[in-house]
Amino acid sequence: MKHSVSHNGEFPFSGNNADSWALHLQSSDFQLLCPNAARAEITQFAHCHLAQVPAQVVMVHPDTNIFAVYGLLDKAQDFFGNDSNGNGFKMFDSSDFLGTDLIFKDSTIKIVPVGEKTTYAEWLGSEYIDSLEGMQSPQCSGAAAISMNIVGLLATSVLQFLFHVGRHSDTMGMEAK
């Protein structure tokens, strides 16, 4: 699960999550799984995490002039980036459009250049990419495949049983008449 802290500094499972599935969940109901296979309380995320999730970024095709794209976005935020601008459009606030995070995340304050990180791999970082690749390992994906095969087998068995019972109950009902 992505580490998420609300603007008031609380975790989303402190009785403040309005989603029906999370109404009665508390932060204490969860633990972090650390890279060394240990567990930790969720408040220990700074020391126990699979990878630090990089900030969101605007990526463009390598053939695209990044200076033109950044220049356009930088100029746009001069006019529309501040929520109190008088232009009638807010670049980082979707509330007037009955949505959230429509163009950028509503929590965005400013767009800044990424410096020398010019590829997605450089931006994400090796720790994050290694964690993603680890999730694709046969050890993890094999367990998921086995459980999906069991679910498929179970579903097929139930359907065959229902079909068999349904077919025989109709026959028995006809014989009883």
Protein backbone atom coordinates (compact mmCIF):
# COMPACT_ATOMS: atom_id res chain seq x y z
CA MET A 1 0.00 0.00 0.00
CA LYS A 2 1.25 3.43 -0.80
CA HIS A 3 2.08 5.49 2.26
CA SER A 4 -0.57 8.17 2.50
CA VAL A 5 -0.84 10.82 5.15
CA SER A 6 -3.68 13.32 5.14
CA HIS A 7 -3.05 17.05 5.29
CA ASN A 8 -3.67 17.01 9.05
CA GLY A 9 -0.87 14.45 9.50
CA GLU A 10 -3.07 11.42 10.14
CA PHE A 11 -2.97 8.11 8.33
CA PRO A 12 -6.02 7.27 6.19
CA PHE A 13 -7.00 4.50 8.63
CA SER A 14 -7.47 6.62 11.72
CA GLY A 15 -11.24 6.65 11.49
CA ASN A 16 -11.09 9.41 8.87
CA ASN A 17 -11.55 7.34 5.71
CA ALA A 18 -15.11 7.68 4.38
CA ASP A 19 -14.87 4.61 2.12
CA SER A 20 -17.32 1.96 3.34
CA TRP A 21 -14.72 -0.82 3.37
CA ALA A 22 -12.46 1.24 5.65
CA LEU A 23 -14.96 2.75 8.08
CA HIS A 24 -13.90 0.67 11.06
CA LEU A 25 -10.22 0.22 10.22
CA GLN A 26 -7.55 1.82 12.36
CA SER A 27 -3.86 2.39 11.68
CA SER A 28 -3.08 -0.31 14.25
CA ASP A 29 -4.82 -2.89 12.02
CA PHE A 30 -1.89 -2.68 9.57
CA GLN A 31 1.82 -3.45 9.56
CA LEU A 32 4.59 -2.77 7.08
CA LEU A 33 6.49 -5.61 5.42
CA CYS A 34 10.15 -4.67 5.42
CA PRO A 35 12.68 -5.75 2.75
CA ASN A 36 14.42 -7.99 5.31
CA ALA A 37 11.12 -9.90 5.86
CA ALA A 38 10.56 -8.23 9.24
CA ARG A 39 7.40 -6.34 10.14
CA ALA A 40 7.02 -2.85 11.57
CA GLU A 41 4.29 -0.47 12.67
CA ILE A 42 3.13 1.84 9.90
CA THR A 43 4.61 4.85 11.68
CA GLN A 44 8.05 3.34 10.92
CA PHE A 45 7.72 3.87 7.14
CA ALA A 46 10.88 5.99 6.96
CA HIS A 47 12.98 2.97 7.99
CA CYS A 48 10.89 0.08 6.66
CA HIS A 49 9.74 0.37 3.08
CA LEU A 50 10.17 -1.50 -0.17
CA ALA A 51 10.99 1.70 -2.00
CA GLN A 52 10.36 5.39 -1.74
CA VAL A 53 7.72 6.35 -4.28
CA PRO A 54 9.04 9.21 -6.41
CA ALA A 55 7.05 12.39 -6.81
CA GLN A 56 4.79 12.62 -9.81
CA VAL A 57 6.38 13.95 -12.95
CA VAL A 58 5.46 15.03 -16.47
CA MET A 59 7.37 12.79 -18.87
CA VAL A 60 7.65 13.40 -22.60
CA HIS A 61 8.95 11.42 -25.55
CA PRO A 62 12.74 11.66 -25.99
CA ASP A 63 12.26 13.47 -29.31
CA THR A 64 10.14 16.18 -27.64
CA ASN A 65 11.78 19.46 -26.71
CA ILE A 66 11.57 19.34 -22.92
CA PHE A 67 12.44 23.03 -22.64
CA ALA A 68 9.39 23.95 -24.73
CA VAL A 69 7.11 21.75 -22.60
CA TYR A 70 8.52 23.05 -19.33
CA GLY A 71 8.41 26.64 -20.65
CA LEU A 72 4.73 26.24 -21.53
CA LEU A 73 3.86 24.71 -18.14
CA ASP A 74 5.95 27.26 -16.27
CA LYS A 75 4.21 30.16 -18.05
CA ALA A 76 0.81 28.52 -17.50
CA GLN A 77 1.44 28.26 -13.77
CA ASP A 78 2.32 31.98 -13.70
CA PHE A 79 -1.24 32.71 -14.87
CA PHE A 80 -3.21 29.77 -13.46
CA GLY A 81 -1.08 28.18 -10.72
CA ASN A 82 -2.21 30.30 -7.80
CA ASP A 83 -5.69 29.42 -6.50
CA SER A 84 -6.40 33.09 -5.92
CA ASN A 85 -5.65 34.15 -9.50
CA GLY A 86 -8.37 36.21 -11.18
CA ASN A 87 -8.26 34.31 -14.47
CA GLY A 88 -11.13 31.93 -13.65
CA PHE A 89 -9.06 28.78 -14.08
CA LYS A 90 -7.01 27.01 -11.44
CA MET A 91 -4.31 24.71 -12.79
CA PHE A 92 -3.87 22.78 -9.53
CA ASP A 93 -7.46 22.81 -8.23
CA SER A 94 -10.20 20.69 -9.80
CA SER A 95 -12.98 21.51 -7.33
CA ASP A 96 -14.66 24.02 -9.68
CA PHE A 97 -14.96 21.24 -12.26
CA LEU A 98 -16.67 18.72 -9.95
CA GLY A 99 -13.65 16.45 -9.82
CA THR A 100 -10.29 15.86 -8.23
CA ASP A 101 -6.81 15.69 -9.72
CA LEU A 102 -8.11 16.41 -13.24
CA ILE A 103 -4.91 17.81 -14.80
CA PHE A 104 -2.44 17.68 -11.93
CA LYS A 105 -2.94 16.45 -8.38
CA ASP A 106 -4.90 19.06 -6.47
CA SER A 107 -2.16 19.03 -3.82
CA THR A 108 0.37 20.32 -6.39
CA ILE A 109 1.86 23.66 -5.44
CA LYS A 110 4.31 24.26 -8.27
CA ILE A 111 5.90 22.53 -11.24
CA VAL A 112 9.68 22.39 -11.00
CA PRO A 113 12.29 21.03 -13.43
CA VAL A 114 13.68 17.57 -12.65
CA GLY A 115 17.28 18.52 -13.28
CA GLU A 116 19.54 15.86 -14.73
CA LYS A 117 17.04 13.01 -14.38
CA THR A 118 16.07 12.66 -18.03
CA THR A 119 14.77 9.09 -18.19
CA TYR A 120 12.03 7.32 -16.28
CA ALA A 121 14.64 4.94 -14.81
CA GLU A 122 16.68 7.84 -13.45
CA TRP A 123 13.55 9.47 -12.05
CA LEU A 124 12.15 6.35 -10.40
CA GLY A 125 15.53 5.27 -9.05
CA SER A 126 17.05 1.82 -8.81
CA GLU A 127 15.47 1.05 -5.39
CA TYR A 128 11.96 1.60 -6.78
CA ILE A 129 12.60 -0.29 -10.04
CA ASP A 130 14.17 -3.20 -8.13
CA SER A 131 11.06 -3.38 -5.92
CA LEU A 132 8.80 -3.44 -8.97
CA GLU A 133 10.89 -6.13 -10.62
CA GLY A 134 10.85 -8.11 -7.36
CA MET A 135 7.05 -8.15 -7.48
CA GLN A 136 7.27 -9.74 -10.93
CA SER A 137 9.56 -12.51 -9.71
CA PRO A 138 8.37 -16.13 -10.04
CA GLN A 139 8.26 -16.35 -6.26
CA CYS A 140 5.48 -13.73 -6.09
CA SER A 141 3.75 -14.20 -9.42
CA GLY A 142 3.83 -18.00 -9.07
CA ALA A 143 1.91 -17.82 -5.80
CA ALA A 144 -0.66 -15.56 -7.43
CA ALA A 145 -0.94 -17.90 -10.42
CA ILE A 146 -1.45 -20.91 -8.16
CA SER A 147 -4.15 -19.17 -6.14
CA MET A 148 -5.86 -18.02 -9.36
CA ASN A 149 -5.73 -21.60 -10.69
CA ILE A 150 -7.30 -22.86 -7.47
CA VAL A 151 -10.02 -20.20 -7.69
CA GLY A 152 -10.68 -21.15 -11.32
CA LEU A 153 -10.82 -24.84 -10.46
CA LEU A 154 -13.15 -24.18 -7.54
CA ALA A 155 -15.45 -21.99 -9.66
CA THR A 156 -15.58 -24.64 -12.40
CA SER A 157 -16.38 -27.35 -9.85
CA VAL A 158 -19.19 -25.30 -8.32
CA LEU A 159 -20.67 -24.55 -11.75
CA GLN A 160 -20.52 -28.21 -12.74
CA PHE A 161 -22.16 -29.22 -9.46
CA LEU A 162 -24.94 -26.66 -9.87
CA PHE A 163 -25.50 -27.71 -13.48
CA HIS A 164 -25.58 -31.38 -12.46
CA VAL A 165 -27.97 -30.79 -9.53
CA GLY A 166 -30.17 -28.50 -11.61
CA ARG A 167 -30.38 -30.99 -14.45
CA HIS A 168 -31.20 -33.90 -12.16
CA SER A 169 -33.71 -31.96 -10.06
CA ASP A 170 -35.67 -31.10 -13.22
CA THR A 171 -35.65 -34.77 -14.21
CA MET A 172 -36.72 -35.85 -10.73
CA GLY A 173 -39.45 -33.23 -10.73
CA MET A 174 -40.77 -34.48 -14.02
CA GLU A 175 -40.76 -38.05 -12.78
CA ALA A 176 -42.69 -37.10 -9.67
CA LYS A 177 -45.61 -35.70 -11.68
